[in-house]
C-alpha atoms as a PDB file:
ATOM      1  CA  CYS A   1     -23.005 -33.192   4.366  1.00  0.00           C
ATOM      2  CA  ILE A   2     -19.975 -32.248   6.487  1.00  0.00           C
ATOM      3  CA  ASN A   3     -20.115 -28.918   8.264  1.00  0.00           C
ATOM      4  CA  THR A   4     -17.050 -26.757   7.549  1.00  0.00           C
ATOM      5  CA  PRO A   5     -16.003 -23.473   9.169  1.00  0.00           C
ATOM      6  CA  PHE A   6     -16.432 -21.661   5.844  1.00  0.00           C
ATOM      7  CA  ASN A   7     -15.981 -22.195   2.129  1.00  0.00           C
ATOM      8  CA  LYS A   8     -13.750 -20.435  -0.346  1.00  0.00           C
ATOM      9  CA  ASP A   9     -16.519 -18.049  -1.386  1.00  0.00           C
ATOM     10  CA  THR A  10     -17.436 -17.049   2.173  1.00  0.00           C
ATOM     11  CA  GLN A  11     -16.451 -13.579   3.334  1.00  0.00           C
ATOM     12  CA  VAL A  12     -15.044 -13.995   6.848  1.00  0.00           C
ATOM     13  CA  THR A  13     -12.630 -11.981   8.949  1.00  0.00           C
ATOM     14  CA  GLU A  14      -8.914 -12.694   9.082  1.00  0.00           C
ATOM     15  CA  GLU A  15      -9.255 -13.484  12.797  1.00  0.00           C
ATOM     16  CA  TYR A  16     -11.818 -16.179  12.005  1.00  0.00           C
ATOM     17  CA  ARG A  17      -9.548 -17.636   9.334  1.00  0.00           C
ATOM     18  CA  LEU A  18      -6.663 -17.780  11.817  1.00  0.00           C
ATOM     19  CA  ARG A  19      -8.855 -19.696  14.269  1.00  0.00           C
ATOM     20  CA  HIS A  20      -9.371 -22.315  11.528  1.00  0.00           C
ATOM     21  CA  ARG A  21      -5.974 -22.040   9.846  1.00  0.00           C
ATOM     22  CA  TYR A  22      -5.794 -25.750   9.059  1.00  0.00           C
ATOM     23  CA  PHE A  23      -8.926 -25.423   6.938  1.00  0.00           C
ATOM     24  CA  ASP A  24      -7.857 -22.128   5.394  1.00  0.00           C
ATOM     25  CA  ILE A  25      -4.575 -23.629   4.175  1.00  0.00           C
ATOM     26  CA  ARG A  26      -6.406 -26.643   2.806  1.00  0.00           C
ATOM     27  CA  THR A  27      -8.862 -24.573   0.784  1.00  0.00           C
ATOM     28  CA  ASN A  28      -6.814 -21.464  -0.030  1.00  0.00           C
ATOM     29  CA  GLN A  29      -4.373 -22.263  -2.826  1.00  0.00           C
ATOM     30  CA  GLN A  30      -2.468 -19.021  -2.345  1.00  0.00           C
ATOM     31  CA  LEU A  31      -1.649 -19.890   1.262  1.00  0.00           C
ATOM     32  CA  TYR A  32      -0.468 -23.322   0.185  1.00  0.00           C
ATOM     33  CA  ARG A  33       1.683 -21.785  -2.561  1.00  0.00           C
ATOM     34  CA  ASN A  34       3.202 -19.462   0.037  1.00  0.00           C
ATOM     35  CA  LEU A  35       4.359 -22.498   2.007  1.00  0.00           C
ATOM     36  CA  GLU A  36       5.827 -23.998  -1.166  1.00  0.00           C
ATOM     37  CA  ILE A  37       7.657 -20.751  -1.978  1.00  0.00           C
ATOM     38  CA  ARG A  38       9.089 -20.557   1.537  1.00  0.00           C
ATOM     39  CA  ASP A  39      10.289 -24.141   1.212  1.00  0.00           C
ATOM     40  CA  ARG A  40      12.074 -23.401  -2.085  1.00  0.00           C
ATOM     41  CA  VAL A  41      13.581 -20.145  -0.810  1.00  0.00           C
ATOM     42  CA  THR A  42      14.835 -21.715   2.425  1.00  0.00           C
ATOM     43  CA  PHE A  43      16.393 -24.630   0.563  1.00  0.00           C
ATOM     44  CA  GLY A  44      18.082 -22.268  -1.905  1.00  0.00           C
ATOM     45  CA  ILE A  45      19.498 -20.080   0.870  1.00  0.00           C
ATOM     46  CA  ARG A  46      21.027 -23.103   2.597  1.00  0.00           C
ATOM     47  CA  GLU A  47      22.456 -24.402  -0.671  1.00  0.00           C
ATOM     48  CA  GLU A  48      24.080 -21.088  -1.628  1.00  0.00           C
ATOM     49  CA  LEU A  49      25.581 -20.497   1.815  1.00  0.00           C
ATOM     50  CA  ARG A  50      26.988 -24.024   1.843  1.00  0.00           C
ATOM     51  CA  ARG A  51      28.627 -23.352  -1.533  1.00  0.00           C
ATOM     52  CA  CYS A  52      30.148 -20.190  -0.006  1.00  0.00           C
ATOM     53  CA  GLY A  53      31.707 -22.228   2.784  1.00  0.00           C
ATOM     54  CA  PHE A  54      29.278 -21.392   5.593  1.00  0.00           C
ATOM     55  CA  MET A  55      28.389 -23.900   8.314  1.00  0.00           C
ATOM     56  CA  ASP A  56      24.815 -24.218   9.576  1.00  0.00           C
ATOM     57  CA  VAL A  57      24.931 -24.160  13.407  1.00  0.00           C
ATOM     58  CA  GLU A  58      21.761 -24.278  15.496  1.00  0.00           C
ATOM     59  CA  THR A  59      21.973 -22.245  18.711  1.00  0.00           C
ATOM     60  CA  PRO A  60      19.758 -22.569  21.841  1.00  0.00           C
ATOM     61  CA  LEU A  61      16.498 -20.676  22.260  1.00  0.00           C
ATOM     62  CA  LEU A  62      16.638 -20.587  26.064  1.00  0.00           C
ATOM     63  CA  PHE A  63      19.332 -18.152  27.094  1.00  0.00           C
ATOM     64  CA  LYS A  64      20.495 -15.847  29.855  1.00  0.00           C
ATOM     65  CA  SER A  65      18.966 -12.367  29.727  1.00  0.00           C
ATOM     66  CA  THR A  66      21.338  -9.799  28.208  1.00  0.00           C
ATOM     67  CA  ALA A  67      21.210  -6.035  27.760  1.00  0.00           C
ATOM     68  CA  GLU A  68      20.291  -5.440  24.109  1.00  0.00           C
ATOM     69  CA  GLY A  69      18.156  -3.033  22.152  1.00  0.00           C
ATOM     70  CA  ALA A  70      14.650  -4.401  22.697  1.00  0.00           C
ATOM     71  CA  ARG A  71      12.743  -5.943  25.583  1.00  0.00           C
ATOM     72  CA  GLU A  72      13.027  -9.702  25.921  1.00  0.00           C
ATOM     73  CA  PHE A  73      10.439 -12.402  26.398  1.00  0.00           C
ATOM     74  CA  VAL A  74      11.141 -14.271  29.618  1.00  0.00           C
ATOM     75  CA  VAL A  75      10.361 -17.935  30.302  1.00  0.00           C
ATOM     76  CA  PRO A  76       9.781 -18.939  33.922  1.00  0.00           C
ATOM     77  CA  THR A  77      11.301 -22.119  35.316  1.00  0.00           C
ATOM     78  CA  ARG A  78      10.271 -24.422  38.156  1.00  0.00           C
ATOM     79  CA  ASN A  79      12.795 -22.663  40.380  1.00  0.00           C
ATOM     80  CA  PRO A  80      11.231 -19.565  41.992  1.00  0.00           C
ATOM     81  CA  GLY A  81      12.803 -16.339  40.733  1.00  0.00           C
ATOM     82  CA  LYS A  82      14.711 -18.076  37.926  1.00  0.00           C
ATOM     83  CA  PHE A  83      13.963 -17.273  34.313  1.00  0.00           C
ATOM     84  CA  TYR A  84      15.274 -17.875  30.828  1.00  0.00           C
ATOM     85  CA  ALA A  85      15.099 -15.284  28.065  1.00  0.00           C
ATOM     86  CA  LEU A  86      14.243 -15.899  24.412  1.00  0.00           C
ATOM     87  CA  PRO A  87      17.017 -14.508  22.180  1.00  0.00           C
ATOM     88  CA  GLN A  88      16.510 -11.275  20.265  1.00  0.00           C
ATOM     89  CA  SER A  89      19.178 -12.612  17.901  1.00  0.00           C
ATOM     90  CA  PRO A  90      21.993 -15.191  18.181  1.00  0.00           C
ATOM     91  CA  GLN A  91      24.533 -12.365  18.634  1.00  0.00           C
ATOM     92  CA  GLN A  92      26.551 -13.775  21.529  1.00  0.00           C
ATOM     93  CA  TYR A  93      26.389 -17.336  20.250  1.00  0.00           C
ATOM     94  CA  LYS A  94      27.900 -16.441  16.897  1.00  0.00           C
ATOM     95  CA  GLN A  95      30.643 -14.395  18.536  1.00  0.00           C
ATOM     96  CA  LEU A  96      31.528 -17.504  20.546  1.00  0.00           C
ATOM     97  CA  LEU A  97      31.566 -19.510  17.314  1.00  0.00           C
ATOM     98  CA  MET A  98      33.973 -17.035  15.707  1.00  0.00           C
ATOM     99  CA  ALA A  99      36.307 -17.388  18.709  1.00  0.00           C
ATOM    100  CA  SER A 100      35.944 -21.170  18.449  1.00  0.00           C
ATOM    101  CA  GLY A 101      37.274 -21.324  14.886  1.00  0.00           C
ATOM    102  CA  VAL A 102      33.942 -21.499  13.021  1.00  0.00           C
ATOM    103  CA  ASP A 103      34.956 -18.793  10.569  1.00  0.00           C
ATOM    104  CA  ARG A 104      31.754 -18.828   8.508  1.00  0.00           C
ATOM    105  CA  TYR A 105      28.544 -19.479  10.416  1.00  0.00           C
ATOM    106  CA  TYR A 106      24.895 -19.158   9.489  1.00  0.00           C
ATOM    107  CA  GLN A 107      21.475 -20.302  10.574  1.00  0.00           C
ATOM    108  CA  ILE A 108      17.891 -19.525   9.689  1.00  0.00           C
ATOM    109  CA  ALA A 109      17.143 -18.313  13.184  1.00  0.00           C
ATOM    110  CA  LYS A 110      14.025 -17.624  15.183  1.00  0.00           C
ATOM    111  CA  CYS A 111      14.192 -14.292  17.022  1.00  0.00           C
ATOM    112  CA  PHE A 112      11.909 -12.820  19.662  1.00  0.00           C
ATOM    113  CA  ARG A 113      11.424  -9.201  20.712  1.00  0.00           C
ATOM    114  CA  ASP A 114       8.804  -7.997  23.169  1.00  0.00           C
ATOM    115  CA  GLU A 115       7.935  -4.702  21.547  1.00  0.00           C
ATOM    116  CA  SER A 116       5.019  -2.992  19.876  1.00  0.00           C
ATOM    117  CA  GLY A 117       4.090  -4.162  16.415  1.00  0.00           C
ATOM    118  CA  ARG A 118       5.390  -2.178  13.437  1.00  0.00           C
ATOM    119  CA  ALA A 119       5.264  -2.588   9.709  1.00  0.00           C
ATOM    120  CA  ASP A 120       8.727  -4.163   9.630  1.00  0.00           C
ATOM    121  CA  ARG A 121       8.778  -5.898  13.020  1.00  0.00           C
ATOM    122  CA  GLN A 122       6.686  -8.379  14.965  1.00  0.00           C
ATOM    123  CA  PRO A 123       7.240 -10.229  18.257  1.00  0.00           C
ATOM    124  CA  GLU A 124       8.428 -13.425  16.541  1.00  0.00           C
ATOM    125  CA  PHE A 125      10.266 -13.481  13.231  1.00  0.00           C
ATOM    126  CA  THR A 126      12.787 -15.512  11.252  1.00  0.00           C
ATOM    127  CA  GLN A 127      16.010 -14.123   9.860  1.00  0.00           C
ATOM    128  CA  VAL A 128      19.014 -15.382   7.942  1.00  0.00           C
ATOM    129  CA  ASP A 129      21.731 -14.872  10.530  1.00  0.00           C
ATOM    130  CA  LEU A 130      25.374 -15.119   9.487  1.00  0.00           C
ATOM    131  CA  GLU A 131      28.813 -14.115  10.645  1.00  0.00           C
ATOM    132  CA  MET A 132      32.275 -14.140   9.061  1.00  0.00           C
ATOM    133  CA  ALA A 133      35.765 -13.905  10.504  1.00  0.00           C
ATOM    134  CA  PHE A 134      38.986 -12.712   8.823  1.00  0.00           C
ATOM    135  CA  VAL A 135      37.217 -10.479   6.306  1.00  0.00           C
ATOM    136  CA  SER A 136      39.599  -8.317   4.286  1.00  0.00           C
ATOM    137  CA  THR A 137      37.262  -6.091   2.261  1.00  0.00           C
ATOM    138  CA  PRO A 138      33.555  -5.162   2.260  1.00  0.00           C
ATOM    139  CA  GLU A 139      33.210  -7.132  -0.967  1.00  0.00           C
ATOM    140  CA  ASP A 140      34.088 -10.322   0.939  1.00  0.00           C
ATOM    141  CA  VAL A 141      30.776  -9.864   2.777  1.00  0.00           C
ATOM    142  CA  MET A 142      28.640  -8.355   0.022  1.00  0.00           C
ATOM    143  CA  ALA A 143      29.481 -10.996  -2.617  1.00  0.00           C
ATOM    144  CA  PRO A 144      28.088 -14.050  -0.764  1.00  0.00           C
ATOM    145  CA  VAL A 145      25.135 -12.046   0.549  1.00  0.00           C
ATOM    146  CA  GLU A 146      24.300 -10.984  -2.996  1.00  0.00           C
ATOM    147  CA  ARG A 147      24.460 -14.603  -4.162  1.00  0.00           C
ATOM    148  CA  VAL A 148      21.982 -15.582  -1.459  1.00  0.00           C
ATOM    149  CA  ILE A 149      19.605 -12.710  -2.246  1.00  0.00           C
ATOM    150  CA  ARG A 150      19.692 -13.434  -5.967  1.00  0.00           C
ATOM    151  CA  ARG A 151      19.015 -17.134  -5.370  1.00  0.00           C
ATOM    152  CA  ALA A 152      16.127 -16.374  -2.990  1.00  0.00           C
ATOM    153  CA  TRP A 153      14.696 -13.838  -5.456  1.00  0.00           C
ATOM    154  CA  HIS A 154      14.862 -16.416  -8.260  1.00  0.00           C
ATOM    155  CA  ASP A 155      13.359 -19.231  -6.182  1.00  0.00           C
ATOM    156  CA  ALA A 156      10.477 -16.965  -5.174  1.00  0.00           C
ATOM    157  CA  GLY A 157       9.628 -16.592  -8.876  1.00  0.00           C
ATOM    158  CA  HIS A 158      10.807 -13.020  -9.453  1.00  0.00           C
ATOM    159  CA  VAL A 159      12.825 -11.575 -12.322  1.00  0.00           C
ATOM    160  CA  LEU A 160      16.466 -11.093 -11.366  1.00  0.00           C
ATOM    161  CA  PRO A 161      17.813  -7.531 -11.236  1.00  0.00           C
ATOM    162  CA  GLU A 162      20.981  -6.578 -13.041  1.00  0.00           C
ATOM    163  CA  GLN A 163      24.216  -8.093 -11.811  1.00  0.00           C
ATOM    164  CA  PRO A 164      26.056  -7.093  -9.724  1.00  0.00           C
ATOM    165  CA  PHE A 165      23.935  -5.066  -7.332  1.00  0.00           C
ATOM    166  CA  PRO A 166      24.900  -1.371  -7.234  1.00  0.00           C
ATOM    167  CA  ARG A 167      27.297  -0.587  -4.382  1.00  0.00           C
ATOM    168  CA  MET A 168      26.929   2.575  -2.332  1.00  0.00           C
ATOM    169  CA  SER A 169      29.075   3.871   0.496  1.00  0.00           C
ATOM    170  CA  TYR A 170      27.539   5.103   3.746  1.00  0.00           C
ATOM    171  CA  LYS A 171      28.722   8.630   2.972  1.00  0.00           C
ATOM    172  CA  ASP A 172      27.157   8.543  -0.479  1.00  0.00           C
ATOM    173  CA  ALA A 173      23.849   7.161   0.835  1.00  0.00           C
ATOM    174  CA  MET A 174      23.571   9.786   3.563  1.00  0.00           C
ATOM    175  CA  GLY A 175      24.606  12.574   1.193  1.00  0.00           C
ATOM    176  CA  ARG A 176      22.163  11.627  -1.561  1.00  0.00           C
ATOM    177  CA  PHE A 177      19.203  10.289   0.450  1.00  0.00           C
ATOM    178  CA  GLY A 178      19.719  11.241   4.096  1.00  0.00           C
ATOM    179  CA  ILE A 179      19.364   7.610   5.241  1.00  0.00           C
ATOM    180  CA  ASP A 180      21.666   4.592   5.191  1.00  0.00           C
ATOM    181  CA  LYS A 181      19.051   2.278   3.630  1.00  0.00           C
ATOM    182  CA  PRO A 182      17.496   4.346   0.841  1.00  0.00           C
ATOM    183  CA  ASP A 183      14.545   3.179  -1.212  1.00  0.00           C
ATOM    184  CA  MET A 184      15.871   4.004  -4.669  1.00  0.00           C
ATOM    185  CA  ARG A 185      12.620   3.274  -6.496  1.00  0.00           C
ATOM    186  CA  PHE A 186      11.470   6.883  -6.117  1.00  0.00           C
ATOM    187  CA  GLY A 187      14.648   8.690  -7.116  1.00  0.00           C
ATOM    188  CA  TRP A 188      14.079  11.527  -4.610  1.00  0.00           C
ATOM    189  CA  GLU A 189      17.680  12.552  -4.089  1.00  0.00           C
ATOM    190  CA  LEU A 190      18.602  15.428  -1.814  1.00  0.00           C
ATOM    191  CA  GLU A 191      19.835  18.668  -3.312  1.00  0.00           C
ATOM    192  CA  THR A 192      21.577  21.562  -1.583  1.00  0.00           C
ATOM    193  CA  VAL A 193      19.230  24.588  -1.514  1.00  0.00           C
ATOM    194  CA  THR A 194      21.015  26.744   1.071  1.00  0.00           C
ATOM    195  CA  ASP A 195      21.142  29.834  -1.149  1.00  0.00           C
ATOM    196  CA  ALA A 196      17.354  29.761  -1.672  1.00  0.00           C
ATOM    197  CA  PHE A 197      16.751  29.912   2.090  1.00  0.00           C
ATOM    198  CA  ARG A 198      19.180  32.660   3.088  1.00  0.00           C
ATOM    199  CA  GLY A 199      17.656  34.637   5.946  1.00  0.00           C
ATOM    200  CA  VAL A 200      14.734  32.255   6.388  1.00  0.00           C
ATOM    201  CA  SER A 201      14.075  30.734   9.808  1.00  0.00           C
ATOM    202  CA  LEU A 202      13.890  26.950   9.604  1.00  0.00           C
ATOM    203  CA  PRO A 203      13.644  24.247  12.301  1.00  0.00           C
ATOM    204  CA  ARG A 204      17.000  22.750  13.212  1.00  0.00           C
ATOM    205  CA  ALA A 205      17.894  19.328  14.586  1.00  0.00           C
ATOM    206  CA  ASP A 206      18.846  20.904  17.928  1.00  0.00           C
ATOM    207  CA  GLY A 207      15.389  22.465  18.334  1.00  0.00           C
ATOM    208  CA  GLU A 208      16.382  25.987  17.319  1.00  0.00           C
ATOM    209  CA  THR A 209      14.431  27.746  14.590  1.00  0.00           C
ATOM    210  CA  HIS A 210      16.931  30.273  13.292  1.00  0.00           C
ATOM    211  CA  THR A 211      19.652  29.564  10.777  1.00  0.00           C
ATOM    212  CA  ARG A 212      23.313  30.062  11.597  1.00  0.00           C
ATOM    213  CA  SER A 213      26.406  30.673   9.554  1.00  0.00           C
ATOM    214  CA  GLY A 214      27.573  27.398   8.073  1.00  0.00           C
ATOM    215  CA  ASP A 215      24.156  25.728   8.179  1.00  0.00           C
ATOM    216  CA  VAL A 216      23.311  23.674   5.087  1.00  0.00           C
ATOM    217  CA  VAL A 217      19.732  23.282   3.854  1.00  0.00           C
ATOM    218  CA  ARG A 218      18.970  20.229   1.749  1.00  0.00           C
ATOM    219  CA  GLY A 219      15.725  18.958   0.292  1.00  0.00           C
ATOM    220  CA  PHE A 220      14.112  17.088  -2.583  1.00  0.00           C
ATOM    221  CA  THR A 221      11.463  17.905  -5.155  1.00  0.00           C
ATOM    222  CA  ILE A 222       8.009  16.304  -4.966  1.00  0.00           C
ATOM    223  CA  PRO A 223       6.469  16.277  -8.445  1.00  0.00           C
ATOM    224  CA  GLY A 224       3.054  17.951  -8.465  1.00  0.00           C
ATOM    225  CA  ALA A 225       3.383  19.334  -4.943  1.00  0.00           C
ATOM    226  CA  GLY A 226       2.809  22.872  -6.209  1.00  0.00           C
ATOM    227  CA  ALA A 227      -0.767  21.964  -7.129  1.00  0.00           C
ATOM    228  CA  MET A 228      -1.527  20.462  -3.718  1.00  0.00           C
ATOM    229  CA  SER A 229      -3.949  22.187  -1.394  1.00  0.00           C
ATOM    230  CA  ASN A 230      -2.745  23.687   1.883  1.00  0.00           C
ATOM    231  CA  ALA A 231      -4.574  20.951   3.790  1.00  0.00           C
ATOM    232  CA  ALA A 232      -2.822  18.227   1.786  1.00  0.00           C
ATOM    233  CA  ARG A 233       0.577  19.839   2.379  1.00  0.00           C
ATOM    234  CA  ASP A 234      -0.179  20.126   6.102  1.00  0.00           C
ATOM    235  CA  ARG A 235      -1.052  16.417   6.237  1.00  0.00           C
ATOM    236  CA  MET A 236       2.214  15.600   4.505  1.00  0.00           C
ATOM    237  CA  LEU A 237       4.159  17.708   6.997  1.00  0.00           C
ATOM    238  CA  VAL A 238       2.470  15.904   9.891  1.00  0.00           C
ATOM    239  CA  ARG A 239       3.360  12.516   8.439  1.00  0.00           C
ATOM    240  CA  THR A 240       6.976  13.419   7.761  1.00  0.00           C
ATOM    241  CA  SER A 241       7.404  14.898  11.237  1.00  0.00           C
ATOM    242  CA  ARG A 242       6.232  11.589  12.739  1.00  0.00           C
ATOM    243  CA  ASN A 243       8.436   9.485  10.450  1.00  0.00           C
ATOM    244  CA  PRO A 244      11.731  11.335  10.079  1.00  0.00           C
END
């Protein structure tokens, strides 16, 4: 009998599984299928971008430190006081490629950011990075990106949404949802309720609490919120104040 770290019916922690990832992948069919899905999706992305005239260019991972949004990982060298930085994104490289005549560039790029973990960000991640020169209209960008997303969605085994994707201007998104990347699954669109709050003191973006002439109050309706307890509403207010 060969001793194994665990079997498929064993309840072990995720940390323990990561320590024996080779065995977990071998015995966990879902993990193996995830690798297969990634392979199909990556191949499809490359194929669609090639059909759209994009060139796959690999850029270096060791780079000079630059002032960008997040903290960088630094890599020491054998020379005292000399360091490389891992790129947060290939931003400067692709700008050089545009100036060099590579009008349509892409790569499936590794990016590194030394920052606290969040739901949508981790220290190391992979992104489809692309750049275009001589673009005349927003549709010149959105059309190939939509083709790539639709192909990736299909290759991952999902049902395709209607075609084409709905287009929304920045002004429309901010006016209807108050954010430039709205999650439209909920349908919670903002409505103007200024008249209902005449004479009511409300917190303002500048820290003041009193309303002024010309102020606009907007909000959305939460179904069933009227039946919530005061404690539940207070918890919701705390959460929304932390995640504006």
